[in-house]
Amino acid sequence: MLSKCANPGCAATFLYLHQGKLFRLDTSIAVVASTSAAETKKPSRRIEFFWLCHPCAAELTLGYKRETGITVVPLPKALARAQTA
């Protein structure tokens, strides 16, 4: 459940959908399942929601790194300027 901004350095609490930016991400991973004849890979589908408050969403977005998972990354400068204009 969403409770605060996805930016670890921000303490803003989630109140309304129209404040900030909501992200819906598929965090699927391949799960190896054992069968009697052979091993098969079965994808595990998992949808997660993340939220960035309005001030953070003006400068940041979410990204994915294999070693750490979902991370906060800076927006490209031109895109950040366009969102604040």
Protein backbone atom coordinates (compact mmCIF):
# COMPACT_ATOMS: atom_id res chain seq x y z
CA MET A 1 0.00 0.00 0.00
CA LEU A 2 1.19 3.50 -0.79
CA SER A 3 1.96 5.59 2.23
CA LYS A 4 4.76 7.99 1.30
CA CYS A 5 6.83 9.37 -1.53
CA ALA A 6 9.07 6.77 -3.23
CA ASN A 7 12.01 9.16 -2.79
CA PRO A 8 13.76 7.88 0.36
CA GLY A 9 14.89 11.42 1.18
CA CYS A 10 11.33 12.80 1.18
CA ALA A 11 8.83 12.45 4.00
CA ALA A 12 5.71 13.53 2.04
CA THR A 13 2.71 11.31 2.74
CA PHE A 14 0.36 10.05 0.05
CA LEU A 15 -3.11 11.63 0.33
CA TYR A 16 -4.61 12.19 -3.13
CA LEU A 17 -4.04 10.73 -6.61
CA HIS A 18 -3.99 14.17 -8.24
CA GLN A 19 -0.99 15.31 -6.16
CA GLY A 20 2.26 14.02 -7.61
CA LYS A 21 2.80 11.13 -10.00
CA LEU A 22 1.68 7.53 -9.63
CA PHE A 23 3.71 4.70 -11.19
CA ARG A 24 2.35 1.22 -11.93
CA LEU A 25 5.23 -1.18 -12.44
CA ASP A 26 5.36 -4.88 -13.28
CA THR A 27 8.04 -6.31 -11.01
CA SER A 28 7.85 -9.82 -12.46
CA ILE A 29 10.66 -12.24 -11.85
CA ALA A 30 11.33 -15.66 -13.32
CA VAL A 31 10.72 -18.38 -10.77
CA VAL A 32 12.19 -21.83 -11.30
CA ALA A 33 9.57 -24.48 -10.58
CA SER A 34 10.53 -28.14 -10.24
CA THR A 35 8.49 -30.69 -12.14
CA SER A 36 8.84 -34.45 -12.21
CA ALA A 37 10.41 -34.50 -15.70
CA ALA A 38 12.31 -31.23 -15.95
CA GLU A 39 12.72 -27.76 -14.54
CA THR A 40 10.72 -25.00 -16.19
CA LYS A 41 10.76 -21.27 -15.69
CA LYS A 42 7.42 -19.82 -14.70
CA PRO A 43 7.12 -16.01 -14.56
CA SER A 44 5.73 -14.60 -11.35
CA ARG A 45 3.64 -11.53 -12.18
CA ARG A 46 3.58 -8.83 -9.55
CA ILE A 47 2.14 -5.36 -10.04
CA GLU A 48 3.34 -2.67 -7.62
CA PHE A 49 2.42 0.98 -7.29
CA PHE A 50 4.86 3.77 -6.40
CA TRP A 51 4.17 7.47 -5.91
CA LEU A 52 6.34 10.57 -6.17
CA CYS A 53 5.05 13.77 -4.54
CA HIS A 54 4.69 16.82 -6.79
CA PRO A 55 8.04 18.47 -5.88
CA CYS A 56 9.95 15.19 -6.32
CA ALA A 57 8.11 14.28 -9.57
CA ALA A 58 9.24 17.62 -11.07
CA GLU A 59 12.88 16.53 -10.76
CA LEU A 60 12.87 12.73 -10.42
CA THR A 61 11.45 9.57 -11.95
CA LEU A 62 11.71 5.88 -11.13
CA GLY A 63 14.16 3.45 -12.65
CA TYR A 64 15.17 -0.17 -12.20
CA LYS A 65 18.56 -1.61 -11.35
CA ARG A 66 18.97 -5.36 -11.19
CA GLU A 67 21.08 -5.28 -8.02
CA THR A 68 18.89 -2.84 -6.04
CA GLY A 69 15.43 -2.99 -7.66
CA ILE A 70 13.31 0.16 -8.09
CA THR A 71 15.34 3.33 -7.61
CA VAL A 72 14.78 7.08 -7.87
CA VAL A 73 16.70 8.71 -10.74
CA PRO A 74 16.96 12.34 -11.87
CA LEU A 75 14.94 13.44 -14.89
CA PRO A 76 16.90 14.71 -17.90
CA LYS A 77 17.36 18.49 -17.52
CA ALA A 78 15.19 19.43 -20.53
CA LEU A 79 12.30 17.24 -19.36
CA ALA A 80 12.50 18.59 -15.80
CA ARG A 81 12.36 22.18 -17.11
CA ALA A 82 9.36 21.38 -19.34
CA GLN A 83 7.38 19.89 -16.42
CA THR A 84 7.92 22.93 -14.19
CA ALA A 85 7.03 25.45 -16.92
